[in-house]
Amino acid sequence: MMEMSALRYIALLALVLWIGGLVALGAIAAPVAFEVTAARQLPEPRMIAGALFGEMLRRFTLVSYAAGVIMLLTLAIRRILGPRPRHFGFRVGIITVMLAASAYAGVVVASRIETLQREIGAAPSSLPDGDPRRIEFGRLHGLSTALQLLPLLGGLALLVWEIKE
């Protein structure tokens, strides 16, 4: 019984770190990075803010991978030790989708964004509205944001299950 409580606690801690990190990055870190660099009138404020936030997001992606693996491992161990966690298959599926979305955003989309930024050599927002590179950057940024919503929503669903169990 004590082992199960410890495993649930570890999984819940990983989940809260993942959800909380996503909220903190999106609601606090990104807006602050762009607002502060602009307010301080730094040279190329959007480039600096983008580089700062990009690195924060890259590092957090590693945290999200670890959180997802921890959640899967603790869930599997709980199943082995018994009793089987309720909605085990759904939980594994949700965590897998959360990890896949994070991995796709962190590897594929982020690398495309980095390549595009290097090609542009300036803030994408400095390009004319119709420039294909600006349009592509906006599309990739939107895709990255949408992909981060999957772990957030999945994490909230898992949190409800943990609270109910």
Foldseek 3Di string as FASTA:
>chain_A
DVLLVVLLVLLVVLLCLLLVLLCCLVVPLLVCQLVVLVVVVPVQSVVRSCVVSLVSLLVVLVSLLVSLVSNVVSLVVDVVVDDRQPPSVVLNVLSVLLNVLSCCLNPVLSVVLVVLCVVVVGRLVVDDPPDPSNVVNVVSVVSSVVSSVSSNVSSVVVVVSSVVD
